[in-house]
């Protein structure tokens, strides 16, 4: 790295992403790796499952990695002394022992690099028609709450997951801000509630996301930046959007470390570009009057490369 050429190079930034893998389509590592690479990150992936496609299809086949196998892969990295990371990224997990092993790995990596940032999407469930339900085993909740969230630096729960983690319901924006404070108190510096059923000031066609970044200054005082993002609803069920969101938020918070507003605007704007392109393409494939199927609704990731790399800001955030 010596010499003038070395000075111009950005320092390498390496992400360990532990998520699911699908042969066809874009969820988990398939949804996270491409955008991170496009944005200049080295990505090392551990595939927690390897499935033919996501489980929203009529059929799926594949294998699941267990916690011993995860440990074995990590040991291999360690033996070669290549287990130094700047970021760890995790998403959907179904198994408590696997999740506990992830925590062990994160803690060990943080001992090696005290600046390591762990970005966790605590995927547990969601709301349909106002009713929340978990789509992972219930015994994952205490592991997320007591072990995972305390070692995480950035978390991206949806409203239902934020409620589960804090044991508190969100009815108003004020409730949401208080819930985010409770989540900060558990550990993470940055909390983004990626979607909620709160009433958007812009109207019913918009979805609200809320973000909060708490920073301790050198003199010990804390400053908190809070933002609201309203993005147009897209009428379709996409899979992998949360994984894409968390990956892009990792990238943009890295590039704008003290500006959650800009990081969220770039993340949400890029999401909008990808979703609009996906729905347009899906409708063309499905044909007039037909509802697009799972295969047609796979995210148009490669086609959105330019939007991911340099998103035109079409969604603005409001500082609260």
Foldseek 3Di string as FASTA:
>chain_A
DDDPVVVPDDPAAEEEEEEAAELDFAAGCNLQVVLLVLQPHHYHYDHQWYKNDDPQDPDIDTGGQDLVNVVVVLVVCVVVPNLAHQEYEYEDDQDLSNLVSVLVSLVVNCVVPVNRAYEYELQFWDDDPRDIDGPHDPVVLVCCQPRVLQSHAEYEYAQVNLCSNQVHHDDEVVSVVVSVVVSVVSHYQKYKNPFDPHADPVGDQWTKIKMKGWDQDPVGDIDIWIKIWIDGDDPDDAHRLVVNLSSQLVSLCVVVVPCSQVSNQLSVQLSVVQQVVLVVQQDVVQDPPGDGDHSSNRTPPVVSSVCSNPNDRPIGMDTD
